[in-house]
């Protein structure tokens, strides 16, 4: 098919968010957009378990501040070690952890901005040039997956 859609590089997403409303909204937005949400968790411990057990995760959407012990940086370290891309979603992007993630999306963000950021990351992971990034989205590195 000449005008067929390319298969997404990102299909399976792990949501790591301790704010219940944000987690709920993200999960439903992602599912409605055609992504498979592997799990939605609110602690680093749960996220590490899912990263260790899940058959396929293409992207971890990780807040920095989480319930309990650990942070989104700990989650990003585990994901990075397994070759899983990470997008930090947080109020202040962590400069010291840029090497662990493909980028950062500053809170608060709209559904449209999240979808646009995911589209940019998807293009990047497929090796395509990212033409435009939404406001509040910073790309850290091309090879951070």
N, C-alpha and C. Protein backbone atom coordinates (compact mmCIF):
# COMPACT_ATOMS: atom_id res chain seq x y z
N UNK A 1 0.84 -1.17 0.00
CA UNK A 1 0.00 0.00 0.00
C UNK A 1 0.89 1.24 0.00
N UNK A 2 0.65 2.13 -0.92
CA UNK A 2 1.49 3.31 -1.08
C UNK A 2 1.36 4.29 0.07
N UNK A 3 0.14 4.51 0.53
CA UNK A 3 -0.08 5.50 1.58
C UNK A 3 -0.39 4.87 2.93
N UNK A 4 0.03 3.64 3.14
CA UNK A 4 -0.24 2.95 4.41
C UNK A 4 0.56 3.56 5.54
N UNK A 5 0.04 3.41 6.74
CA UNK A 5 0.73 3.92 7.92
C UNK A 5 1.89 2.99 8.27
N UNK A 6 2.97 3.59 8.73
CA UNK A 6 4.10 2.82 9.22
C UNK A 6 3.74 2.24 10.58
N UNK A 7 4.30 1.09 10.87
CA UNK A 7 4.11 0.52 12.19
C UNK A 7 4.86 1.37 13.21
N UNK A 8 4.23 1.60 14.33
CA UNK A 8 4.86 2.39 15.38
C UNK A 8 6.05 1.67 15.99
N UNK A 9 7.06 2.42 16.34
CA UNK A 9 8.18 1.88 17.11
C UNK A 9 7.74 1.70 18.56
N UNK A 10 6.81 2.55 19.00
CA UNK A 10 6.29 2.47 20.36
C UNK A 10 4.89 1.88 20.30
N UNK A 11 4.74 0.70 20.90
CA UNK A 11 3.42 0.08 20.98
C UNK A 11 3.03 -0.20 22.43
N UNK A 12 3.99 -0.66 23.22
CA UNK A 12 3.72 -1.06 24.61
C UNK A 12 4.37 -0.07 25.57
N UNK A 13 3.54 0.52 26.44
CA UNK A 13 4.01 1.57 27.34
C UNK A 13 3.73 1.21 28.79
N UNK A 14 4.72 1.46 29.64
CA UNK A 14 4.56 1.34 31.09
C UNK A 14 4.41 2.75 31.64
N UNK A 15 3.31 3.00 32.37
CA UNK A 15 3.06 4.30 32.98
C UNK A 15 3.46 4.23 34.45
N UNK A 16 4.37 5.12 34.85
CA UNK A 16 4.84 5.17 36.23
C UNK A 16 4.52 6.57 36.76
N UNK A 17 3.44 6.65 37.52
CA UNK A 17 2.90 7.94 37.96
C UNK A 17 2.19 7.77 39.29
N UNK A 18 2.52 8.62 40.27
CA UNK A 18 1.89 8.48 41.59
C UNK A 18 0.71 9.42 41.81
N UNK A 19 0.41 10.29 40.88
CA UNK A 19 -0.78 11.13 40.99
C UNK A 19 -1.93 10.38 40.32
N UNK A 20 -2.91 9.90 41.09
CA UNK A 20 -3.97 9.03 40.55
C UNK A 20 -4.71 9.60 39.34
N UNK A 21 -5.07 10.86 39.38
CA UNK A 21 -5.81 11.44 38.25
C UNK A 21 -4.95 11.51 36.99
N UNK A 22 -3.69 11.87 37.14
CA UNK A 22 -2.78 11.94 36.00
C UNK A 22 -2.57 10.54 35.43
N UNK A 23 -2.36 9.56 36.31
CA UNK A 23 -2.17 8.18 35.88
C UNK A 23 -3.40 7.68 35.12
N UNK A 24 -4.57 7.93 35.67
CA UNK A 24 -5.83 7.51 35.04
C UNK A 24 -5.99 8.17 33.67
N UNK A 25 -5.78 9.47 33.60
CA UNK A 25 -5.91 10.20 32.33
C UNK A 25 -4.91 9.68 31.29
N UNK A 26 -3.65 9.50 31.72
CA UNK A 26 -2.63 9.01 30.79
C UNK A 26 -2.98 7.62 30.26
N UNK A 27 -3.39 6.75 31.15
CA UNK A 27 -3.72 5.38 30.74
C UNK A 27 -4.85 5.38 29.70
N UNK A 28 -5.89 6.14 29.96
CA UNK A 28 -7.02 6.17 29.03
C UNK A 28 -6.67 6.86 27.72
N UNK A 29 -5.90 7.93 27.78
CA UNK A 29 -5.46 8.60 26.57
C UNK A 29 -4.64 7.66 25.70
N UNK A 30 -3.70 6.96 26.32
CA UNK A 30 -2.83 6.05 25.58
C UNK A 30 -3.61 4.91 24.94
N UNK A 31 -4.52 4.33 25.70
CA UNK A 31 -5.34 3.24 25.15
C UNK A 31 -6.19 3.74 23.99
N UNK A 32 -6.80 4.92 24.15
CA UNK A 32 -7.62 5.49 23.08
C UNK A 32 -6.80 5.80 21.84
N UNK A 33 -5.51 6.11 22.02
CA UNK A 33 -4.62 6.41 20.90
C UNK A 33 -4.04 5.15 20.27
N UNK A 34 -4.42 3.99 20.79
CA UNK A 34 -3.99 2.73 20.18
C UNK A 34 -2.75 2.10 20.78
N UNK A 35 -2.29 2.61 21.90
CA UNK A 35 -1.13 2.01 22.57
C UNK A 35 -1.61 0.91 23.51
N UNK A 36 -0.72 -0.05 23.77
CA UNK A 36 -0.98 -1.09 24.76
C UNK A 36 -0.31 -0.64 26.06
N UNK A 37 -1.10 -0.39 27.09
CA UNK A 37 -0.55 0.00 28.39
C UNK A 37 -0.25 -1.29 29.15
N UNK A 38 1.03 -1.59 29.30
CA UNK A 38 1.48 -2.81 29.96
C UNK A 38 1.03 -2.82 31.41
N UNK A 39 1.19 -1.68 32.08
CA UNK A 39 0.78 -1.52 33.47
C UNK A 39 0.83 -0.04 33.81
N UNK A 40 0.09 0.32 34.85
CA UNK A 40 0.17 1.66 35.43
C UNK A 40 0.48 1.45 36.90
N UNK A 41 1.63 1.96 37.33
CA UNK A 41 2.09 1.74 38.70
C UNK A 41 2.47 3.08 39.34
N UNK A 42 2.52 3.10 40.68
CA UNK A 42 2.82 4.36 41.36
C UNK A 42 4.07 4.32 42.23
N UNK A 43 4.82 3.22 42.20
CA UNK A 43 6.06 3.15 42.97
C UNK A 43 7.20 2.63 42.09
N UNK A 44 8.42 3.00 42.47
CA UNK A 44 9.59 2.50 41.75
C UNK A 44 9.68 0.98 41.87
N UNK A 45 9.36 0.45 43.06
CA UNK A 45 9.41 -0.99 43.28
C UNK A 45 8.51 -1.74 42.30
N UNK A 46 7.27 -1.27 42.15
CA UNK A 46 6.35 -1.91 41.21
C UNK A 46 6.85 -1.78 39.77
N UNK A 47 7.37 -0.60 39.44
CA UNK A 47 7.88 -0.38 38.09
C UNK A 47 9.05 -1.31 37.78
N UNK A 48 9.94 -1.48 38.73
CA UNK A 48 11.10 -2.37 38.54
C UNK A 48 10.63 -3.81 38.34
N UNK A 49 9.60 -4.22 39.08
CA UNK A 49 9.05 -5.56 38.93
C UNK A 49 8.50 -5.75 37.52
N UNK A 50 7.71 -4.79 37.05
CA UNK A 50 7.11 -4.89 35.71
C UNK A 50 8.20 -4.89 34.64
N UNK A 51 9.19 -4.03 34.77
CA UNK A 51 10.30 -3.99 33.80
C UNK A 51 11.01 -5.34 33.76
N UNK A 52 11.16 -5.96 34.91
CA UNK A 52 11.82 -7.27 34.96
C UNK A 52 11.00 -8.41 34.42
N UNK A 53 9.67 -8.30 34.52
CA UNK A 53 8.80 -9.43 34.15
C UNK A 53 8.12 -9.29 32.79
N UNK A 54 7.88 -8.08 32.33
CA UNK A 54 7.10 -7.88 31.10
C UNK A 54 7.86 -8.41 29.88
N UNK A 55 7.10 -9.01 28.98
CA UNK A 55 7.70 -9.53 27.75
C UNK A 55 8.14 -8.40 26.84
N UNK A 56 7.32 -7.34 26.76
CA UNK A 56 7.65 -6.25 25.85
C UNK A 56 7.21 -4.91 26.44
N UNK A 57 8.17 -4.00 26.51
CA UNK A 57 7.90 -2.61 26.85
C UNK A 57 8.74 -1.78 25.89
N UNK A 58 8.11 -0.87 25.17
CA UNK A 58 8.83 -0.02 24.23
C UNK A 58 9.20 1.33 24.83
N UNK A 59 8.39 1.77 25.81
CA UNK A 59 8.61 3.08 26.42
C UNK A 59 8.09 3.08 27.84
N UNK A 60 8.86 3.72 28.72
CA UNK A 60 8.41 3.95 30.09
C UNK A 60 8.14 5.44 30.21
N UNK A 61 6.92 5.76 30.59
CA UNK A 61 6.49 7.14 30.85
C UNK A 61 6.64 7.32 32.36
N UNK A 62 7.68 8.01 32.81
CA UNK A 62 8.02 8.01 34.24
C UNK A 62 8.03 9.39 34.86
N UNK A 63 7.23 9.54 35.92
CA UNK A 63 7.32 10.73 36.77
C UNK A 63 8.57 10.56 37.63
N UNK A 64 9.13 11.65 38.10
CA UNK A 64 10.31 11.55 38.96
C UNK A 64 9.95 11.26 40.40
N UNK A 65 8.96 11.96 40.92
CA UNK A 65 8.55 11.77 42.31
C UNK A 65 7.50 10.67 42.36
N UNK A 66 7.80 9.63 43.11
CA UNK A 66 6.90 8.49 43.21
C UNK A 66 6.59 8.18 44.66
N UNK A 67 5.54 7.41 44.89
CA UNK A 67 5.20 6.95 46.24
C UNK A 67 6.26 5.98 46.71
N UNK A 68 6.50 5.93 48.01
CA UNK A 68 7.43 4.96 48.57
C UNK A 68 8.88 5.28 48.28
N UNK A 69 9.69 4.23 48.38
CA UNK A 69 11.13 4.35 48.15
C UNK A 69 11.43 4.42 46.66
N UNK A 70 12.50 5.12 46.32
CA UNK A 70 12.93 5.18 44.93
C UNK A 70 12.26 6.32 44.17
N UNK A 71 12.76 6.53 42.96
CA UNK A 71 12.25 7.63 42.14
C UNK A 71 12.20 7.20 40.69
N UNK A 72 11.74 8.11 39.86
CA UNK A 72 11.72 7.85 38.43
C UNK A 72 13.10 7.65 37.85
N UNK A 73 14.11 8.21 38.49
CA UNK A 73 15.49 8.00 38.03
C UNK A 73 15.88 6.53 38.21
N UNK A 74 15.49 5.92 39.33
CA UNK A 74 15.77 4.50 39.56
C UNK A 74 15.09 3.66 38.49
N UNK A 75 13.86 4.01 38.17
CA UNK A 75 13.11 3.31 37.13
C UNK A 75 13.81 3.47 35.79
N UNK A 76 14.26 4.69 35.49
CA UNK A 76 14.95 4.95 34.22
C UNK A 76 16.25 4.17 34.12
N UNK A 77 16.97 4.03 35.22
CA UNK A 77 18.21 3.24 35.21
C UNK A 77 17.93 1.79 34.82
N UNK A 78 16.88 1.21 35.40
CA UNK A 78 16.54 -0.19 35.09
C UNK A 78 16.06 -0.33 33.65
N UNK A 79 15.25 0.61 33.20
CA UNK A 79 14.75 0.56 31.82
C UNK A 79 15.91 0.73 30.83
N UNK A 80 16.76 1.69 31.10
CA UNK A 80 17.92 1.96 30.24
C UNK A 80 18.81 0.72 30.12
N UNK A 81 19.01 0.03 31.23
CA UNK A 81 19.84 -1.18 31.23
C UNK A 81 19.26 -2.28 30.34
N UNK A 82 17.93 -2.26 30.16
CA UNK A 82 17.27 -3.27 29.31
C UNK A 82 17.01 -2.75 27.90
N UNK A 83 17.49 -1.54 27.59
CA UNK A 83 17.31 -0.98 26.27
C UNK A 83 15.92 -0.42 26.01
N UNK A 84 15.20 -0.08 27.07
CA UNK A 84 13.85 0.47 26.96
C UNK A 84 13.93 1.99 27.03
N UNK A 85 13.28 2.65 26.08
CA UNK A 85 13.26 4.12 26.06
C UNK A 85 12.46 4.64 27.24
N UNK A 86 12.85 5.81 27.74
CA UNK A 86 12.18 6.45 28.87
C UNK A 86 11.85 7.89 28.50
N UNK A 87 10.64 8.30 28.86
CA UNK A 87 10.25 9.71 28.76
C UNK A 87 9.90 10.16 30.17
N UNK A 88 10.68 11.11 30.70
CA UNK A 88 10.34 11.67 32.00
C UNK A 88 9.16 12.63 31.82
N UNK A 89 8.18 12.53 32.70
CA UNK A 89 7.06 13.47 32.74
C UNK A 89 7.05 14.03 34.16
N UNK A 90 7.46 15.29 34.28
CA UNK A 90 7.69 15.84 35.61
C UNK A 90 7.68 17.36 35.57
N UNK A 91 7.66 17.95 36.74
CA UNK A 91 7.68 19.41 36.81
C UNK A 91 9.03 20.00 36.46
N UNK A 92 10.11 19.34 36.85
CA UNK A 92 11.47 19.82 36.58
C UNK A 92 12.29 18.67 36.01
N UNK A 93 12.75 18.82 34.80
CA UNK A 93 13.51 17.77 34.14
C UNK A 93 14.88 17.61 34.80
N UNK A 94 15.27 16.37 35.07
CA UNK A 94 16.52 16.11 35.79
C UNK A 94 17.75 16.18 34.88
N UNK A 95 18.54 17.21 35.03
CA UNK A 95 19.74 17.36 34.20
C UNK A 95 20.71 16.20 34.38
N UNK A 96 20.82 15.72 35.62
CA UNK A 96 21.79 14.66 35.92
C UNK A 96 21.38 13.30 35.35
N UNK A 97 20.15 13.16 34.90
CA UNK A 97 19.66 11.87 34.40
C UNK A 97 19.32 11.90 32.91
N UNK A 98 19.77 12.91 32.21
CA UNK A 98 19.46 13.03 30.78
C UNK A 98 19.95 11.84 29.97
N UNK A 99 21.06 11.25 30.38
CA UNK A 99 21.61 10.11 29.64
C UNK A 99 20.73 8.86 29.73
N UNK A 100 19.75 8.86 30.63
CA UNK A 100 18.89 7.69 30.84
C UNK A 100 17.59 7.75 30.05
N UNK A 101 17.28 8.90 29.45
CA UNK A 101 15.98 9.07 28.82
C UNK A 101 16.12 9.70 27.44
N UNK A 102 15.07 9.51 26.63
CA UNK A 102 15.05 10.14 25.32
C UNK A 102 14.61 11.59 25.42
N UNK A 103 13.91 11.92 26.51
CA UNK A 103 13.47 13.29 26.67
C UNK A 103 12.66 13.50 27.93
N UNK A 104 12.14 14.70 28.03
CA UNK A 104 11.36 15.09 29.21
C UNK A 104 10.19 15.95 28.76
N UNK A 105 9.04 15.65 29.33
CA UNK A 105 7.83 16.43 29.08
C UNK A 105 7.45 17.10 30.39
N UNK A 106 7.45 18.43 30.38
CA UNK A 106 7.18 19.20 31.59
C UNK A 106 5.69 19.18 31.92
N UNK A 107 5.38 18.96 33.20
CA UNK A 107 4.01 19.04 33.69
C UNK A 107 3.67 20.49 33.98
N UNK A 108 2.46 20.88 33.86
CA UNK A 108 1.34 20.12 33.31
C UNK A 108 1.38 20.15 31.79
N UNK A 109 0.80 19.13 31.17
CA UNK A 109 0.76 19.03 29.72
C UNK A 109 -0.64 18.59 29.31
N UNK A 110 -1.01 18.90 28.09
CA UNK A 110 -2.33 18.52 27.57
C UNK A 110 -2.23 17.17 26.88
N UNK A 111 -3.37 16.57 26.61
CA UNK A 111 -3.42 15.31 25.86
C UNK A 111 -2.74 15.47 24.51
N UNK A 112 -3.01 16.57 23.85
CA UNK A 112 -2.44 16.83 22.52
C UNK A 112 -0.91 16.89 22.59
N UNK A 113 -0.39 17.55 23.61
CA UNK A 113 1.06 17.67 23.76
C UNK A 113 1.69 16.30 24.05
N UNK A 114 1.06 15.48 24.89
CA UNK A 114 1.58 14.15 25.17
C UNK A 114 1.60 13.32 23.89
N UNK A 115 0.52 13.33 23.13
CA UNK A 115 0.48 12.58 21.86
C UNK A 115 1.55 13.06 20.90
N UNK A 116 1.75 14.36 20.83
CA UNK A 116 2.75 14.92 19.95
C UNK A 116 4.17 14.52 20.38
N UNK A 117 4.43 14.53 21.69
CA UNK A 117 5.73 14.11 22.20
C UNK A 117 5.98 12.63 21.89
N UNK A 118 4.95 11.80 22.06
CA UNK A 118 5.09 10.37 21.73
C UNK A 118 5.36 10.18 20.24
N UNK A 119 4.70 10.98 19.41
CA UNK A 119 4.94 10.91 17.97
C UNK A 119 6.37 11.28 17.63
N UNK A 120 6.91 12.29 18.29
CA UNK A 120 8.30 12.70 18.06
C UNK A 120 9.27 11.61 18.50
N UNK A 121 9.01 11.01 19.64
CA UNK A 121 9.89 9.93 20.13
C UNK A 121 9.80 8.73 19.19
N UNK A 122 8.60 8.41 18.74
CA UNK A 122 8.41 7.31 17.82
C UNK A 122 9.23 7.54 16.54
N UNK A 123 9.15 8.73 15.99
CA UNK A 123 9.92 9.07 14.79
C UNK A 123 11.41 8.92 15.05
N UNK A 124 11.84 9.41 16.20
CA UNK A 124 13.25 9.32 16.57
C UNK A 124 13.71 7.87 16.66
N UNK A 125 12.90 7.01 17.28
CA UNK A 125 13.26 5.60 17.44
C UNK A 125 13.27 4.86 16.11
N UNK A 126 12.48 5.32 15.16
CA UNK A 126 12.47 4.72 13.82
C UNK A 126 13.62 5.25 12.97
N UNK A 127 14.34 6.25 13.48
CA UNK A 127 15.45 6.82 12.74
C UNK A 127 15.05 7.98 11.84
N UNK A 128 13.81 8.45 11.97
CA UNK A 128 13.34 9.58 11.18
C UNK A 128 13.73 10.89 11.86
N UNK A 129 13.80 11.93 11.07
CA UNK A 129 14.09 13.25 11.61
C UNK A 129 12.83 13.78 12.31
N UNK A 130 13.02 14.34 13.49
CA UNK A 130 11.91 14.94 14.23
C UNK A 130 11.74 16.36 13.70
N UNK A 131 10.59 16.60 13.09
CA UNK A 131 10.36 17.89 12.45
C UNK A 131 9.96 18.98 13.43
N UNK A 132 9.12 18.62 14.38
CA UNK A 132 8.62 19.63 15.31
C UNK A 132 8.37 18.97 16.66
N UNK A 133 8.72 19.68 17.72
CA UNK A 133 8.45 19.17 19.07
C UNK A 133 7.46 20.11 19.74
N UNK A 134 6.58 19.55 20.56
CA UNK A 134 5.60 20.39 21.25
C UNK A 134 6.24 21.21 22.36
N UNK A 135 5.56 22.27 22.73
CA UNK A 135 6.04 23.11 23.82
C UNK A 135 6.09 22.30 25.11
N UNK A 136 7.18 22.45 25.85
CA UNK A 136 7.34 21.73 27.10
C UNK A 136 8.02 20.38 26.96
N UNK A 137 8.35 20.00 25.73
CA UNK A 137 9.02 18.71 25.48
C UNK A 137 10.45 18.97 25.06
N UNK A 138 11.38 18.33 25.77
CA UNK A 138 12.80 18.46 25.48
C UNK A 138 13.34 17.10 25.09
N UNK A 139 14.02 17.03 23.95
CA UNK A 139 14.68 15.78 23.55
C UNK A 139 16.08 15.82 24.14
N UNK A 140 16.45 14.72 24.81
CA UNK A 140 17.78 14.65 25.43
C UNK A 140 18.82 14.08 24.47
N UNK A 141 18.54 12.89 23.95
CA UNK A 141 19.55 12.24 23.11
C UNK A 141 18.88 11.29 22.14
N UNK A 142 19.49 11.15 20.99
CA UNK A 142 18.95 10.26 19.97
C UNK A 142 19.14 8.79 20.34
N UNK A 143 20.17 8.48 21.09
CA UNK A 143 20.51 7.09 21.38
C UNK A 143 20.32 6.72 22.84
N UNK A 144 19.37 7.33 23.52
CA UNK A 144 19.18 7.07 24.94
C UNK A 144 18.30 5.86 25.21
N UNK A 145 17.95 5.11 24.20
CA UNK A 145 17.12 3.90 24.41
C UNK A 145 18.00 2.73 24.73
